[in-house]
């Protein structure tokens, strides 16, 4: 691997290792392998700065120390990616299901609200009619009392 790509991969892996989901979806053995890879990249970087050498120049192996482990790391990262993707798909399906249930719930609640509004309107109308009838009845009673008093005086 070129030196820049190696450092970029190590930095990305360090960032991923800080996420709790990475620890949850990766086996301890794989995490130990990743930690070892990151530690070695730190030491290689320090050695490079000290000696002014690139990762390829540190050993006779043209792929550096990372050739045997890079396939393991790539396999681990692919497994992590597959786990993340599967979790994301599952979460998206669950979210869509919950959204649909929420929309159905809101539709039901809106229908209930409309029914309650109509019932309230009918009850307020009935109350207004009864209040008017009561007022009219009191007026009629008062008029009748006055008429009775006038009639009793007359007779």
C-alpha atoms as a PDB file:
ATOM      1  CA  UNK A   1       0.000   0.000   0.000  1.00  0.00           C
ATOM      2  CA  UNK A   2       1.223   3.480  -0.629  1.00  0.00           C
ATOM      3  CA  UNK A   3       2.128   5.371   2.520  1.00  0.00           C
ATOM      4  CA  UNK A   4      -0.721   7.918   2.249  1.00  0.00           C
ATOM      5  CA  UNK A   5      -3.358   5.234   1.806  1.00  0.00           C
ATOM      6  CA  UNK A   6      -1.960   3.284   4.742  1.00  0.00           C
ATOM      7  CA  UNK A   7      -2.139   6.320   7.015  1.00  0.00           C
ATOM      8  CA  UNK A   8      -5.619   7.162   5.755  1.00  0.00           C
ATOM      9  CA  UNK A   9      -6.872   3.635   6.422  1.00  0.00           C
ATOM     10  CA  UNK A  10      -5.312   3.611   9.889  1.00  0.00           C
ATOM     11  CA  UNK A  11      -6.885   6.978  10.710  1.00  0.00           C
ATOM     12  CA  UNK A  12     -10.295   5.825   9.480  1.00  0.00           C
ATOM     13  CA  UNK A  13     -10.020   2.618  11.476  1.00  0.00           C
ATOM     14  CA  UNK A  14      -9.064   4.579  14.619  1.00  0.00           C
ATOM     15  CA  UNK A  15     -12.168   6.733  14.099  1.00  0.00           C
ATOM     16  CA  UNK A  16     -14.405   3.674  13.597  1.00  0.00           C
ATOM     17  CA  UNK A  17     -13.003   1.973  16.708  1.00  0.00           C
ATOM     18  CA  UNK A  18     -14.259   4.898  18.816  1.00  0.00           C
ATOM     19  CA  UNK A  19     -17.875   4.074  17.903  1.00  0.00           C
ATOM     20  CA  UNK A  20     -19.723   1.708  20.271  1.00  0.00           C
ATOM     21  CA  UNK A  21     -21.469   0.034  17.352  1.00  0.00           C
ATOM     22  CA  UNK A  22     -18.099  -1.145  16.027  1.00  0.00           C
ATOM     23  CA  UNK A  23     -17.350  -2.893  19.315  1.00  0.00           C
ATOM     24  CA  UNK A  24     -20.798  -4.434  19.423  1.00  0.00           C
ATOM     25  CA  UNK A  25     -20.690  -5.831  15.886  1.00  0.00           C
ATOM     26  CA  UNK A  26     -17.062  -7.042  15.860  1.00  0.00           C
ATOM     27  CA  UNK A  27     -15.577 -10.003  17.689  1.00  0.00           C
ATOM     28  CA  UNK A  28     -12.876  -9.414  20.318  1.00  0.00           C
ATOM     29  CA  UNK A  29     -10.317 -11.303  18.213  1.00  0.00           C
ATOM     30  CA  UNK A  30     -11.022  -9.057  15.222  1.00  0.00           C
ATOM     31  CA  UNK A  31     -10.828  -5.956  17.403  1.00  0.00           C
ATOM     32  CA  UNK A  32      -7.436  -7.136  18.730  1.00  0.00           C
ATOM     33  CA  UNK A  33      -6.231  -7.530  15.140  1.00  0.00           C
ATOM     34  CA  UNK A  34      -7.468  -4.025  14.302  1.00  0.00           C
ATOM     35  CA  UNK A  35      -5.794  -2.553  17.403  1.00  0.00           C
ATOM     36  CA  UNK A  36      -2.530  -4.254  16.426  1.00  0.00           C
ATOM     37  CA  UNK A  37      -2.810  -2.824  12.896  1.00  0.00           C
ATOM     38  CA  UNK A  38      -3.429   0.691  14.220  1.00  0.00           C
ATOM     39  CA  UNK A  39      -0.551   0.426  16.731  1.00  0.00           C
ATOM     40  CA  UNK A  40       1.823  -0.767  14.032  1.00  0.00           C
ATOM     41  CA  UNK A  41       0.799   2.072  11.734  1.00  0.00           C
ATOM     42  CA  UNK A  42       1.573   4.534  14.548  1.00  0.00           C
ATOM     43  CA  UNK A  43       5.003   2.991  15.101  1.00  0.00           C
ATOM     44  CA  UNK A  44       5.720   2.876  11.360  1.00  0.00           C
ATOM     45  CA  UNK A  45       4.765   6.539  11.068  1.00  0.00           C
ATOM     46  CA  UNK A  46       7.056   7.449  13.966  1.00  0.00           C
ATOM     47  CA  UNK A  47       9.905   5.440  12.414  1.00  0.00           C
ATOM     48  CA  UNK A  48       9.333   7.105   9.050  1.00  0.00           C
ATOM     49  CA  UNK A  49       9.553  10.557  10.570  1.00  0.00           C
ATOM     50  CA  UNK A  50      12.694   9.580  12.400  1.00  0.00           C
ATOM     51  CA  UNK A  51      14.456   7.870   9.472  1.00  0.00           C
ATOM     52  CA  UNK A  52      12.839   9.696   6.546  1.00  0.00           C
ATOM     53  CA  UNK A  53      11.810   6.359   4.998  1.00  0.00           C
ATOM     54  CA  UNK A  54       8.534   5.284   3.458  1.00  0.00           C
ATOM     55  CA  UNK A  55       6.517   2.252   4.566  1.00  0.00           C
ATOM     56  CA  UNK A  56       7.707   0.303   1.553  1.00  0.00           C
ATOM     57  CA  UNK A  57      11.360   0.943   2.385  1.00  0.00           C
ATOM     58  CA  UNK A  58      11.224  -0.422   5.926  1.00  0.00           C
ATOM     59  CA  UNK A  59      11.484  -4.049   4.897  1.00  0.00           C
ATOM     60  CA  UNK A  60      12.527  -6.042   1.886  1.00  0.00           C
ATOM     61  CA  UNK A  61       8.901  -6.992   1.357  1.00  0.00           C
ATOM     62  CA  UNK A  62       7.579  -4.573  -1.288  1.00  0.00           C
ATOM     63  CA  UNK A  63       4.221  -4.436   0.471  1.00  0.00           C
ATOM     64  CA  UNK A  64       5.651  -3.583   3.878  1.00  0.00           C
ATOM     65  CA  UNK A  65       4.576  -5.272   7.109  1.00  0.00           C
ATOM     66  CA  UNK A  66       0.921  -4.930   6.266  1.00  0.00           C
ATOM     67  CA  UNK A  67       0.543  -7.354   3.382  1.00  0.00           C
ATOM     68  CA  UNK A  68      -0.440 -10.421   5.464  1.00  0.00           C
ATOM     69  CA  UNK A  69      -2.682  -8.416   7.777  1.00  0.00           C
ATOM     70  CA  UNK A  70      -4.225  -6.134   5.206  1.00  0.00           C
ATOM     71  CA  UNK A  71      -6.444  -8.911   3.837  1.00  0.00           C
ATOM     72  CA  UNK A  72      -7.549  -9.763   7.368  1.00  0.00           C
ATOM     73  CA  UNK A  73      -8.246  -6.106   8.091  1.00  0.00           C
ATOM     74  CA  UNK A  74     -10.145  -5.770   4.821  1.00  0.00           C
ATOM     75  CA  UNK A  75     -12.162  -8.870   5.726  1.00  0.00           C
ATOM     76  CA  UNK A  76     -12.934  -7.451   9.160  1.00  0.00           C
ATOM     77  CA  UNK A  77     -13.889  -4.086   7.674  1.00  0.00           C
ATOM     78  CA  UNK A  78     -16.094  -5.812   5.093  1.00  0.00           C
ATOM     79  CA  UNK A  79     -17.778  -7.749   7.893  1.00  0.00           C
ATOM     80  CA  UNK A  80     -18.299  -4.533   9.839  1.00  0.00           C
ATOM     81  CA  UNK A  81     -19.676  -2.829   6.727  1.00  0.00           C
ATOM     82  CA  UNK A  82     -22.037  -5.743   6.071  1.00  0.00           C
ATOM     83  CA  UNK A  83     -23.205  -5.649   9.701  1.00  0.00           C
ATOM     84  CA  UNK A  84     -23.730  -1.880   9.536  1.00  0.00           C
ATOM     85  CA  UNK A  85     -25.638  -2.236   6.260  1.00  0.00           C
ATOM     86  CA  UNK A  86     -27.837  -5.010   7.619  1.00  0.00           C
ATOM     87  CA  UNK A  87     -28.550  -3.004  10.779  1.00  0.00           C
ATOM     88  CA  UNK A  88     -29.347   0.056   8.696  1.00  0.00           C
ATOM     89  CA  UNK A  89     -31.748  -1.874   6.472  1.00  0.00           C
ATOM     90  CA  UNK A  90     -33.425  -3.410   9.512  1.00  0.00           C
ATOM     91  CA  UNK A  91     -33.687  -0.011  11.197  1.00  0.00           C
ATOM     92  CA  UNK A  92     -35.057   1.602   8.031  1.00  0.00           C
ATOM     93  CA  UNK A  93     -37.700  -1.121   7.707  1.00  0.00           C
ATOM     94  CA  UNK A  94     -38.606  -0.727  11.381  1.00  0.00           C
ATOM     95  CA  UNK A  95     -38.802   3.049  11.017  1.00  0.00           C
ATOM     96  CA  UNK A  96     -41.050   2.741   7.938  1.00  0.00           C
ATOM     97  CA  UNK A  97     -43.314   0.340   9.830  1.00  0.00           C
ATOM     98  CA  UNK A  98     -43.509   2.689  12.812  1.00  0.00           C
ATOM     99  CA  UNK A  99     -44.150   5.660  10.514  1.00  0.00           C
ATOM    100  CA  UNK A 100     -47.022   3.789   8.868  1.00  0.00           C
ATOM    101  CA  UNK A 101     -48.461   2.875  12.268  1.00  0.00           C
ATOM    102  CA  UNK A 102     -48.115   6.504  13.386  1.00  0.00           C
ATOM    103  CA  UNK A 103     -49.929   7.744  10.283  1.00  0.00           C
ATOM    104  CA  UNK A 104     -52.764   5.255  10.865  1.00  0.00           C
ATOM    105  CA  UNK A 105     -52.936   6.339  14.512  1.00  0.00           C
ATOM    106  CA  UNK A 106     -53.093  10.011  13.512  1.00  0.00           C
ATOM    107  CA  UNK A 107     -55.809   9.257  10.942  1.00  0.00           C
ATOM    108  CA  UNK A 108     -57.861   7.537  13.653  1.00  0.00           C
ATOM    109  CA  UNK A 109     -57.293  10.381  16.111  1.00  0.00           C
ATOM    110  CA  UNK A 110     -58.312  12.981  13.505  1.00  0.00           C
ATOM    111  CA  UNK A 111     -61.521  11.050  12.829  1.00  0.00           C
ATOM    112  CA  UNK A 112     -62.193  10.885  16.581  1.00  0.00           C
ATOM    113  CA  UNK A 113     -61.486  14.611  16.864  1.00  0.00           C
ATOM    114  CA  UNK A 114     -63.943  15.396  14.046  1.00  0.00           C
ATOM    115  CA  UNK A 115     -66.618  13.229  15.707  1.00  0.00           C
ATOM    116  CA  UNK A 116     -66.045  14.906  19.076  1.00  0.00           C
ATOM    117  CA  UNK A 117     -66.183  18.370  17.470  1.00  0.00           C
ATOM    118  CA  UNK A 118     -69.509  17.480  15.834  1.00  0.00           C
ATOM    119  CA  UNK A 119     -70.869  16.111  19.117  1.00  0.00           C
ATOM    120  CA  UNK A 120     -69.751  19.256  20.953  1.00  0.00           C
ATOM    121  CA  UNK A 121     -71.394  21.457  18.344  1.00  0.00           C
ATOM    122  CA  UNK A 122     -74.684  19.519  18.652  1.00  0.00           C
ATOM    123  CA  UNK A 123     -74.565  19.722  22.448  1.00  0.00           C
ATOM    124  CA  UNK A 124     -73.833  23.449  22.405  1.00  0.00           C
ATOM    125  CA  UNK A 125     -76.738  23.962  19.982  1.00  0.00           C
ATOM    126  CA  UNK A 126     -79.051  21.923  22.228  1.00  0.00           C
ATOM    127  CA  UNK A 127     -77.898  23.915  25.281  1.00  0.00           C
ATOM    128  CA  UNK A 128     -78.543  27.201  23.466  1.00  0.00           C
ATOM    129  CA  UNK A 129     -82.043  26.034  22.494  1.00  0.00           C
ATOM    130  CA  UNK A 130     -82.797  24.911  26.067  1.00  0.00           C
ATOM    131  CA  UNK A 131     -81.445  28.188  27.486  1.00  0.00           C
ATOM    132  CA  UNK A 132     -83.676  30.135  25.073  1.00  0.00           C
ATOM    133  CA  UNK A 133     -86.655  27.950  25.992  1.00  0.00           C
ATOM    134  CA  UNK A 134     -85.954  28.538  29.700  1.00  0.00           C
ATOM    135  CA  UNK A 135     -85.739  32.305  29.191  1.00  0.00           C
ATOM    136  CA  UNK A 136     -88.955  32.269  27.147  1.00  0.00           C
ATOM    137  CA  UNK A 137     -90.662  30.125  29.783  1.00  0.00           C
ATOM    138  CA  UNK A 138     -89.608  32.513  32.571  1.00  0.00           C
ATOM    139  CA  UNK A 139     -90.894  35.464  30.552  1.00  0.00           C
ATOM    140  CA  UNK A 140     -94.188  33.629  29.911  1.00  0.00           C
ATOM    141  CA  UNK A 141     -94.461  32.745  33.624  1.00  0.00           C
ATOM    142  CA  UNK A 142     -93.827  36.353  34.654  1.00  0.00           C
ATOM    143  CA  UNK A 143     -96.394  37.540  32.113  1.00  0.00           C
ATOM    144  CA  UNK A 144     -98.850  34.923  33.340  1.00  0.00           C
ATOM    145  CA  UNK A 145     -98.301  35.986  36.993  1.00  0.00           C
ATOM    146  CA  UNK A 146     -98.941  39.606  36.041  1.00  0.00           C
ATOM    147  CA  UNK A 147    -102.040  38.605  34.096  1.00  0.00           C
ATOM    148  CA  UNK A 148    -103.236  36.509  37.061  1.00  0.00           C
ATOM    149  CA  UNK A 149    -102.713  39.416  39.432  1.00  0.00           C
ATOM    150  CA  UNK A 150    -104.571  41.765  37.057  1.00  0.00           C
ATOM    151  CA  UNK A 151    -107.380  39.250  36.604  1.00  0.00           C
ATOM    152  CA  UNK A 152    -107.738  38.753  40.377  1.00  0.00           C
ATOM    153  CA  UNK A 153    -107.963  42.504  40.854  1.00  0.00           C
ATOM    154  CA  UNK A 154    -110.492  42.759  38.101  1.00  0.00           C
ATOM    155  CA  UNK A 155    -112.732  40.072  39.583  1.00  0.00           C
END
